[in-house]
């Protein structure tokens, strides 16, 4: 019997924090967490890539894009767009942060076990998790754990 690998979705803030020398503690925690999870199935989305590509500092952008090499890249599908519309109706995440909503919907529709994020305002908080998971159950999707990287240590 084989054990199924856990599937982890990394949002943009995790990749950014991996290199963020302005916040040494967060960078250290991100790197320690990555050492634990790098053997799992790791995913990002086309939304993540688009956000990273908007980085104006060329050196940082190159580091970000190098980090993403070898990761599984998930598209924004019609299924994820439909789920994100349902999330948006709750207003738990303001519509102006549509990319955060898309990232959650992409992770859920692709059966991720976890989303890792440093975004405590729109992702890693109890209110968001509660509403997202209630919708997921109602819509026939599995619940998802939305965690900060140190929670994986």
N, C-alpha and C. Protein backbone atom coordinates (compact mmCIF):
# COMPACT_ATOMS: atom_id res chain seq x y z
N UNK A 1 0.85 -1.19 0.00
CA UNK A 1 0.00 0.00 0.00
C UNK A 1 0.89 1.24 0.00
N UNK A 2 0.64 2.15 -0.92
CA UNK A 2 1.44 3.37 -0.98
C UNK A 2 0.74 4.49 -0.23
N UNK A 3 1.55 5.34 0.34
CA UNK A 3 1.02 6.50 1.06
C UNK A 3 0.96 7.67 0.09
N UNK A 4 -0.19 8.28 0.02
CA UNK A 4 -0.38 9.41 -0.88
C UNK A 4 0.31 10.65 -0.32
N UNK A 5 1.10 11.32 -1.17
CA UNK A 5 1.77 12.55 -0.75
C UNK A 5 0.75 13.66 -0.53
N UNK A 6 1.01 14.48 0.45
CA UNK A 6 0.17 15.65 0.69
C UNK A 6 0.45 16.68 -0.42
N UNK A 7 -0.60 17.38 -0.82
CA UNK A 7 -0.49 18.40 -1.87
C UNK A 7 -0.57 19.77 -1.22
N UNK A 8 0.47 20.57 -1.44
CA UNK A 8 0.57 21.88 -0.79
C UNK A 8 0.63 22.97 -1.85
N UNK A 9 -0.27 23.94 -1.70
CA UNK A 9 -0.31 25.11 -2.58
C UNK A 9 0.44 26.24 -1.89
N UNK A 10 1.42 26.82 -2.56
CA UNK A 10 2.17 27.96 -2.03
C UNK A 10 1.64 29.23 -2.65
N UNK A 11 1.21 30.16 -1.82
CA UNK A 11 0.78 31.44 -2.39
C UNK A 11 2.01 32.34 -2.55
N UNK A 12 1.82 33.43 -3.22
CA UNK A 12 2.91 34.34 -3.59
C UNK A 12 3.71 34.81 -2.38
N UNK A 13 3.04 35.04 -1.26
CA UNK A 13 3.73 35.57 -0.08
C UNK A 13 4.80 34.63 0.45
N UNK A 14 4.63 33.34 0.26
CA UNK A 14 5.61 32.36 0.75
C UNK A 14 6.90 32.46 -0.08
N UNK A 15 6.74 32.54 -1.38
CA UNK A 15 7.91 32.64 -2.26
C UNK A 15 8.63 33.96 -2.01
N UNK A 16 7.90 35.02 -1.85
CA UNK A 16 8.49 36.32 -1.56
C UNK A 16 9.23 36.30 -0.22
N UNK A 17 8.61 35.71 0.80
CA UNK A 17 9.22 35.67 2.13
C UNK A 17 10.50 34.83 2.16
N UNK A 18 10.61 33.86 1.28
CA UNK A 18 11.79 33.00 1.23
C UNK A 18 13.06 33.83 1.00
N UNK A 19 12.91 34.97 0.31
CA UNK A 19 14.04 35.82 -0.04
C UNK A 19 14.02 37.18 0.66
N UNK A 20 13.07 37.42 1.55
CA UNK A 20 12.87 38.76 2.10
C UNK A 20 13.80 39.04 3.28
N UNK A 21 14.94 39.60 2.99
CA UNK A 21 15.94 39.91 4.01
C UNK A 21 15.54 41.09 4.89
N UNK A 22 14.47 41.77 4.55
CA UNK A 22 13.97 42.87 5.40
C UNK A 22 13.27 42.32 6.63
N UNK A 23 12.79 41.08 6.53
CA UNK A 23 12.11 40.40 7.65
C UNK A 23 12.81 39.07 7.89
N UNK A 24 13.95 39.14 8.56
CA UNK A 24 14.83 37.98 8.74
C UNK A 24 14.12 36.82 9.43
N UNK A 25 13.37 37.10 10.48
CA UNK A 25 12.68 36.02 11.21
C UNK A 25 11.69 35.28 10.31
N UNK A 26 10.92 36.04 9.55
CA UNK A 26 9.95 35.42 8.64
C UNK A 26 10.66 34.64 7.55
N UNK A 27 11.76 35.19 7.03
CA UNK A 27 12.54 34.50 6.01
C UNK A 27 13.07 33.18 6.57
N UNK A 28 13.60 33.22 7.78
CA UNK A 28 14.14 32.01 8.41
C UNK A 28 13.05 30.95 8.60
N UNK A 29 11.89 31.36 9.11
CA UNK A 29 10.78 30.43 9.31
C UNK A 29 10.30 29.83 7.98
N UNK A 30 10.28 30.66 6.95
CA UNK A 30 9.86 30.18 5.63
C UNK A 30 10.83 29.14 5.11
N UNK A 31 12.12 29.41 5.26
CA UNK A 31 13.13 28.47 4.78
C UNK A 31 13.11 27.17 5.59
N UNK A 32 12.92 27.26 6.89
CA UNK A 32 12.83 26.05 7.71
C UNK A 32 11.61 25.23 7.30
N UNK A 33 10.51 25.90 7.07
CA UNK A 33 9.29 25.21 6.64
C UNK A 33 9.50 24.54 5.30
N UNK A 34 10.15 25.25 4.40
CA UNK A 34 10.37 24.71 3.06
C UNK A 34 11.21 23.42 3.12
N UNK A 35 12.17 23.38 4.03
CA UNK A 35 12.98 22.16 4.18
C UNK A 35 12.11 20.97 4.57
N UNK A 36 11.04 21.21 5.31
CA UNK A 36 10.13 20.14 5.73
C UNK A 36 9.16 19.74 4.62
N UNK A 37 8.74 20.70 3.81
CA UNK A 37 7.68 20.42 2.82
C UNK A 37 8.19 20.13 1.42
N UNK A 38 9.47 20.36 1.16
CA UNK A 38 9.95 20.24 -0.22
C UNK A 38 9.82 18.83 -0.79
N UNK A 39 9.58 17.85 0.06
CA UNK A 39 9.41 16.48 -0.41
C UNK A 39 7.94 16.15 -0.68
N UNK A 40 7.05 17.09 -0.42
CA UNK A 40 5.64 16.92 -0.72
C UNK A 40 5.40 17.37 -2.17
N UNK A 41 4.19 17.20 -2.65
CA UNK A 41 3.85 17.71 -3.97
C UNK A 41 3.50 19.19 -3.81
N UNK A 42 4.32 20.05 -4.40
CA UNK A 42 4.16 21.50 -4.25
C UNK A 42 3.58 22.11 -5.52
N UNK A 43 2.65 23.04 -5.30
CA UNK A 43 1.93 23.66 -6.40
C UNK A 43 1.89 25.17 -6.24
N UNK A 44 1.84 25.84 -7.36
CA UNK A 44 1.50 27.26 -7.44
C UNK A 44 0.49 27.37 -8.58
N UNK A 45 0.09 28.59 -8.88
CA UNK A 45 -0.85 28.77 -9.99
C UNK A 45 -0.32 29.81 -10.96
N UNK A 46 -1.02 29.92 -12.06
CA UNK A 46 -0.67 30.97 -13.01
C UNK A 46 -0.85 32.36 -12.38
N UNK A 47 -1.75 32.47 -11.40
CA UNK A 47 -1.93 33.73 -10.67
C UNK A 47 -0.64 34.06 -9.92
N UNK A 48 -0.07 33.07 -9.25
CA UNK A 48 1.18 33.25 -8.52
C UNK A 48 2.28 33.72 -9.48
N UNK A 49 2.41 33.04 -10.60
CA UNK A 49 3.44 33.42 -11.58
C UNK A 49 3.25 34.84 -12.06
N UNK A 50 2.01 35.22 -12.36
CA UNK A 50 1.74 36.59 -12.81
C UNK A 50 2.14 37.61 -11.75
N UNK A 51 1.82 37.32 -10.49
CA UNK A 51 2.18 38.25 -9.41
C UNK A 51 3.70 38.36 -9.28
N UNK A 52 4.40 37.24 -9.37
CA UNK A 52 5.87 37.26 -9.26
C UNK A 52 6.52 37.99 -10.43
N UNK A 53 5.95 37.82 -11.59
CA UNK A 53 6.50 38.47 -12.78
C UNK A 53 6.31 39.99 -12.74
N UNK A 54 5.41 40.49 -11.90
CA UNK A 54 5.21 41.93 -11.78
C UNK A 54 6.26 42.59 -10.88
N UNK A 55 7.12 41.79 -10.27
CA UNK A 55 8.17 42.33 -9.40
C UNK A 55 9.09 43.20 -10.24
N UNK A 56 9.31 44.43 -9.79
CA UNK A 56 10.12 45.37 -10.57
C UNK A 56 11.62 45.20 -10.35
N UNK A 57 12.02 44.68 -9.20
CA UNK A 57 13.44 44.42 -8.92
C UNK A 57 13.83 43.15 -9.68
N UNK A 58 14.64 43.32 -10.72
CA UNK A 58 14.98 42.22 -11.62
C UNK A 58 15.68 41.08 -10.87
N UNK A 59 16.57 41.40 -9.95
CA UNK A 59 17.28 40.35 -9.20
C UNK A 59 16.31 39.51 -8.37
N UNK A 60 15.38 40.20 -7.68
CA UNK A 60 14.38 39.48 -6.88
C UNK A 60 13.46 38.65 -7.79
N UNK A 61 13.04 39.26 -8.90
CA UNK A 61 12.16 38.55 -9.82
C UNK A 61 12.84 37.26 -10.31
N UNK A 62 14.12 37.32 -10.65
CA UNK A 62 14.83 36.14 -11.11
C UNK A 62 14.91 35.07 -10.03
N UNK A 63 15.12 35.48 -8.78
CA UNK A 63 15.12 34.52 -7.67
C UNK A 63 13.75 33.87 -7.53
N UNK A 64 12.70 34.68 -7.59
CA UNK A 64 11.34 34.15 -7.47
C UNK A 64 11.06 33.12 -8.56
N UNK A 65 11.40 33.47 -9.79
CA UNK A 65 11.09 32.60 -10.92
C UNK A 65 11.93 31.32 -10.87
N UNK A 66 13.17 31.44 -10.40
CA UNK A 66 14.00 30.24 -10.23
C UNK A 66 13.38 29.31 -9.18
N UNK A 67 12.86 29.89 -8.10
CA UNK A 67 12.20 29.12 -7.04
C UNK A 67 11.05 28.29 -7.61
N UNK A 68 10.33 28.86 -8.57
CA UNK A 68 9.13 28.19 -9.10
C UNK A 68 9.45 27.06 -10.07
N UNK A 69 10.70 26.98 -10.54
CA UNK A 69 11.06 25.91 -11.47
C UNK A 69 10.87 24.56 -10.79
N UNK A 70 10.22 23.67 -11.47
CA UNK A 70 9.98 22.34 -10.92
C UNK A 70 8.70 22.22 -10.10
N UNK A 71 8.06 23.36 -9.80
CA UNK A 71 6.79 23.29 -9.09
C UNK A 71 5.67 23.04 -10.09
N UNK A 72 4.62 22.40 -9.64
CA UNK A 72 3.45 22.18 -10.48
C UNK A 72 2.67 23.49 -10.59
N UNK A 73 2.31 23.87 -11.81
CA UNK A 73 1.60 25.14 -12.03
C UNK A 73 0.16 24.84 -12.45
N UNK A 74 -0.76 25.37 -11.66
CA UNK A 74 -2.19 25.13 -11.90
C UNK A 74 -2.82 26.32 -12.63
N UNK A 75 -3.67 26.05 -13.61
CA UNK A 75 -4.34 27.13 -14.33
C UNK A 75 -5.59 27.61 -13.58
N UNK A 76 -6.02 28.79 -13.95
CA UNK A 76 -7.30 29.31 -13.46
C UNK A 76 -8.38 28.77 -14.39
N UNK A 77 -9.06 27.74 -13.94
CA UNK A 77 -10.07 27.06 -14.76
C UNK A 77 -11.44 27.70 -14.57
N UNK A 78 -12.36 27.32 -15.43
CA UNK A 78 -13.74 27.77 -15.30
C UNK A 78 -14.32 27.30 -13.96
N UNK A 79 -13.98 26.10 -13.56
CA UNK A 79 -14.45 25.55 -12.28
C UNK A 79 -13.96 26.44 -11.11
N UNK A 80 -12.70 26.84 -11.15
CA UNK A 80 -12.16 27.70 -10.09
C UNK A 80 -12.79 29.09 -10.14
N UNK A 81 -13.05 29.60 -11.33
CA UNK A 81 -13.71 30.90 -11.45
C UNK A 81 -15.11 30.86 -10.86
N UNK A 82 -15.83 29.78 -11.11
CA UNK A 82 -17.18 29.66 -10.55
C UNK A 82 -17.15 29.60 -9.03
N UNK A 83 -16.22 28.83 -8.48
CA UNK A 83 -16.10 28.74 -7.03
C UNK A 83 -15.68 30.09 -6.44
N UNK A 84 -14.80 30.79 -7.11
CA UNK A 84 -14.37 32.10 -6.61
C UNK A 84 -15.52 33.10 -6.60
N UNK A 85 -16.45 32.99 -7.53
CA UNK A 85 -17.63 33.86 -7.53
C UNK A 85 -18.48 33.61 -6.29
N UNK A 86 -18.60 32.36 -5.90
CA UNK A 86 -19.37 32.03 -4.69
C UNK A 86 -18.66 32.59 -3.46
N UNK A 87 -17.33 32.42 -3.42
CA UNK A 87 -16.57 33.01 -2.30
C UNK A 87 -16.78 34.52 -2.25
N UNK A 88 -16.72 35.16 -3.42
CA UNK A 88 -16.84 36.62 -3.49
C UNK A 88 -18.18 37.13 -2.96
N UNK A 89 -19.23 36.35 -3.16
CA UNK A 89 -20.56 36.77 -2.70
C UNK A 89 -20.62 36.94 -1.19
N UNK A 90 -19.77 36.24 -0.46
CA UNK A 90 -19.77 36.35 1.00
C UNK A 90 -19.09 37.61 1.49
N UNK A 91 -18.27 38.21 0.64
CA UNK A 91 -17.49 39.41 0.97
C UNK A 91 -16.50 39.16 2.12
N UNK A 92 -16.17 37.89 2.41
CA UNK A 92 -15.19 37.58 3.45
C UNK A 92 -13.80 38.07 3.04
N UNK A 93 -13.56 38.08 1.73
CA UNK A 93 -12.35 38.69 1.17
C UNK A 93 -12.82 39.77 0.21
N UNK A 94 -12.38 41.01 0.40
CA UNK A 94 -12.83 42.08 -0.51
C UNK A 94 -12.53 41.75 -1.97
N UNK A 95 -13.46 42.07 -2.84
CA UNK A 95 -13.35 41.76 -4.26
C UNK A 95 -12.09 42.39 -4.88
N UNK A 96 -11.61 43.49 -4.33
CA UNK A 96 -10.41 44.09 -4.90
C UNK A 96 -9.17 43.21 -4.70
N UNK A 97 -9.30 42.17 -3.88
CA UNK A 97 -8.23 41.19 -3.69
C UNK A 97 -8.61 39.89 -4.40
N UNK A 98 -9.09 40.03 -5.62
CA UNK A 98 -9.58 38.91 -6.41
C UNK A 98 -8.53 37.82 -6.58
N UNK A 99 -7.26 38.19 -6.72
CA UNK A 99 -6.23 37.17 -6.89
C UNK A 99 -6.14 36.23 -5.69
N UNK A 100 -6.35 36.75 -4.49
CA UNK A 100 -6.38 35.89 -3.30
C UNK A 100 -7.54 34.91 -3.38
N UNK A 101 -8.68 35.40 -3.81
CA UNK A 101 -9.86 34.55 -3.96
C UNK A 101 -9.60 33.48 -5.02
N UNK A 102 -9.01 33.89 -6.14
CA UNK A 102 -8.69 32.92 -7.20
C UNK A 102 -7.73 31.84 -6.68
N UNK A 103 -6.71 32.27 -5.93
CA UNK A 103 -5.73 31.29 -5.46
C UNK A 103 -6.37 30.23 -4.55
N UNK A 104 -7.26 30.67 -3.69
CA UNK A 104 -7.95 29.71 -2.82
C UNK A 104 -8.80 28.77 -3.67
N UNK A 105 -9.55 29.31 -4.61
CA UNK A 105 -10.42 28.48 -5.46
C UNK A 105 -9.61 27.51 -6.31
N UNK A 106 -8.49 27.95 -6.82
CA UNK A 106 -7.62 27.06 -7.60
C UNK A 106 -7.13 25.90 -6.73
N UNK A 107 -6.70 26.23 -5.53
CA UNK A 107 -6.21 25.18 -4.61
C UNK A 107 -7.32 24.19 -4.27
N UNK A 108 -8.49 24.70 -3.98
CA UNK A 108 -9.62 23.83 -3.60
C UNK A 108 -10.06 22.94 -4.76
N UNK A 109 -10.22 23.52 -5.93
CA UNK A 109 -10.70 22.73 -7.07
C UNK A 109 -9.66 21.72 -7.55
N UNK A 110 -8.43 21.87 -7.12
CA UNK A 110 -7.37 20.92 -7.47
C UNK A 110 -7.02 19.99 -6.31
N UNK A 111 -7.91 19.94 -5.32
CA UNK A 111 -7.78 19.00 -4.21
C UNK A 111 -6.48 19.12 -3.42
N UNK A 112 -6.05 20.35 -3.19
CA UNK A 112 -4.88 20.55 -2.34
C UNK A 112 -5.26 20.22 -0.90
N UNK A 113 -4.29 19.74 -0.13
CA UNK A 113 -4.52 19.50 1.29
C UNK A 113 -4.31 20.77 2.11
N UNK A 114 -3.36 21.59 1.65
CA UNK A 114 -2.99 22.81 2.39
C UNK A 114 -2.74 23.97 1.42
N UNK A 115 -3.03 25.16 1.92
CA UNK A 115 -2.54 26.39 1.31
C UNK A 115 -1.59 26.98 2.35
N UNK A 116 -0.38 27.32 1.92
CA UNK A 116 0.55 28.03 2.81
C UNK A 116 0.62 29.47 2.36
N UNK A 117 0.52 30.37 3.33
CA UNK A 117 0.50 31.79 3.04
C UNK A 117 0.95 32.59 4.25
N UNK A 118 1.51 33.75 4.00
CA UNK A 118 1.79 34.72 5.06
C UNK A 118 0.72 35.81 5.06
N UNK A 119 -0.32 35.67 4.26
CA UNK A 119 -1.36 36.68 4.14
C UNK A 119 -2.41 36.44 5.24
N UNK A 120 -2.18 37.05 6.39
CA UNK A 120 -3.07 36.86 7.53
C UNK A 120 -4.38 37.62 7.37
N UNK A 121 -4.39 38.64 6.56
CA UNK A 121 -5.60 39.45 6.40
C UNK A 121 -6.66 38.74 5.56
N UNK A 122 -6.23 38.12 4.45
CA UNK A 122 -7.21 37.56 3.51
C UNK A 122 -7.17 36.05 3.37
N UNK A 123 -6.24 35.39 4.03
CA UNK A 123 -6.18 33.94 3.87
C UNK A 123 -6.04 33.21 5.20
N UNK A 124 -4.98 33.47 5.90
CA UNK A 124 -4.67 32.70 7.11
C UNK A 124 -5.35 33.33 8.31
N UNK A 125 -6.64 33.16 8.38
CA UNK A 125 -7.36 33.59 9.59
C UNK A 125 -8.63 32.77 9.74
N UNK A 126 -9.06 32.67 10.96
CA UNK A 126 -10.17 31.77 11.29
C UNK A 126 -11.46 32.12 10.54
N UNK A 127 -11.77 33.40 10.43
CA UNK A 127 -13.00 33.79 9.74
C UNK A 127 -13.00 33.34 8.29
N UNK A 128 -11.89 33.58 7.61
CA UNK A 128 -11.80 33.18 6.20
C UNK A 128 -11.88 31.67 6.08
N UNK A 129 -11.11 30.95 6.87
CA UNK A 129 -11.13 29.47 6.81
C UNK A 129 -12.53 28.92 7.05
N UNK A 130 -13.22 29.48 8.03
CA UNK A 130 -14.55 28.99 8.37
C UNK A 130 -15.52 29.17 7.21
N UNK A 131 -15.55 30.36 6.63
CA UNK A 131 -16.46 30.64 5.50
C UNK A 131 -16.07 29.82 4.28
N UNK A 132 -14.78 29.80 3.95
CA UNK A 132 -14.31 29.05 2.78
C UNK A 132 -14.68 27.57 2.91
N UNK A 133 -14.43 27.00 4.08
CA UNK A 133 -14.71 25.57 4.24
C UNK A 133 -16.19 25.26 4.29
N UNK A 134 -16.99 26.18 4.79
CA UNK A 134 -18.45 25.98 4.75
C UNK A 134 -18.93 25.96 3.29
N UNK A 135 -18.42 26.87 2.50
CA UNK A 135 -18.77 26.90 1.07
C UNK A 135 -18.26 25.63 0.39
N UNK A 136 -17.04 25.24 0.71
CA UNK A 136 -16.49 24.03 0.07
C UNK A 136 -17.37 22.82 0.32
N UNK A 137 -17.79 22.63 1.55
CA UNK A 137 -18.66 21.50 1.88
C UNK A 137 -19.98 21.61 1.13
N UNK A 138 -20.56 22.82 1.14
CA UNK A 138 -21.84 23.05 0.47
C UNK A 138 -21.73 22.76 -1.04
N UNK A 139 -20.58 23.06 -1.62
CA UNK A 139 -20.39 22.90 -3.07
C UNK A 139 -19.81 21.52 -3.44
N UNK A 140 -19.60 20.66 -2.45
CA UNK A 140 -19.11 19.31 -2.73
C UNK A 140 -17.60 19.18 -2.80
N UNK A 141 -16.89 20.17 -2.31
CA UNK A 141 -15.43 20.10 -2.27
C UNK A 141 -14.96 19.74 -0.87
N UNK A 142 -13.73 19.27 -0.79
CA UNK A 142 -13.14 18.96 0.51
C UNK A 142 -12.77 20.25 1.23
N UNK A 143 -12.71 20.18 2.53
CA UNK A 143 -12.21 21.31 3.31
C UNK A 143 -10.71 21.42 3.08
N UNK A 144 -10.17 22.61 3.31
CA UNK A 144 -8.75 22.84 3.09
C UNK A 144 -8.17 23.55 4.31
N UNK A 145 -6.95 23.21 4.64
CA UNK A 145 -6.23 23.89 5.71
C UNK A 145 -5.48 25.06 5.11
N UNK A 146 -5.71 26.25 5.64
CA UNK A 146 -4.98 27.44 5.20
C UNK A 146 -4.10 27.85 6.37
N UNK A 147 -2.79 27.70 6.18
CA UNK A 147 -1.84 27.84 7.28
C UNK A 147 -0.69 28.77 6.92
N UNK A 148 -0.05 29.29 7.96
CA UNK A 148 1.22 30.00 7.79
C UNK A 148 2.33 28.94 7.73
N UNK A 149 3.41 29.19 7.03
CA UNK A 149 4.47 28.19 6.90
C UNK A 149 4.96 27.55 8.22
N UNK A 150 5.13 28.32 9.30
CA UNK A 150 5.63 27.67 10.53
C UNK A 150 4.69 26.60 11.09
N UNK A 151 3.43 26.64 10.71
CA UNK A 151 2.50 25.63 11.19
C UNK A 151 2.79 24.25 10.60
N UNK A 152 3.63 24.20 9.58
CA UNK A 152 4.00 22.93 8.97
C UNK A 152 5.25 22.33 9.62
N UNK A 153 5.88 23.07 10.51
CA UNK A 153 7.11 22.56 11.17
C UNK A 153 6.79 21.47 12.17
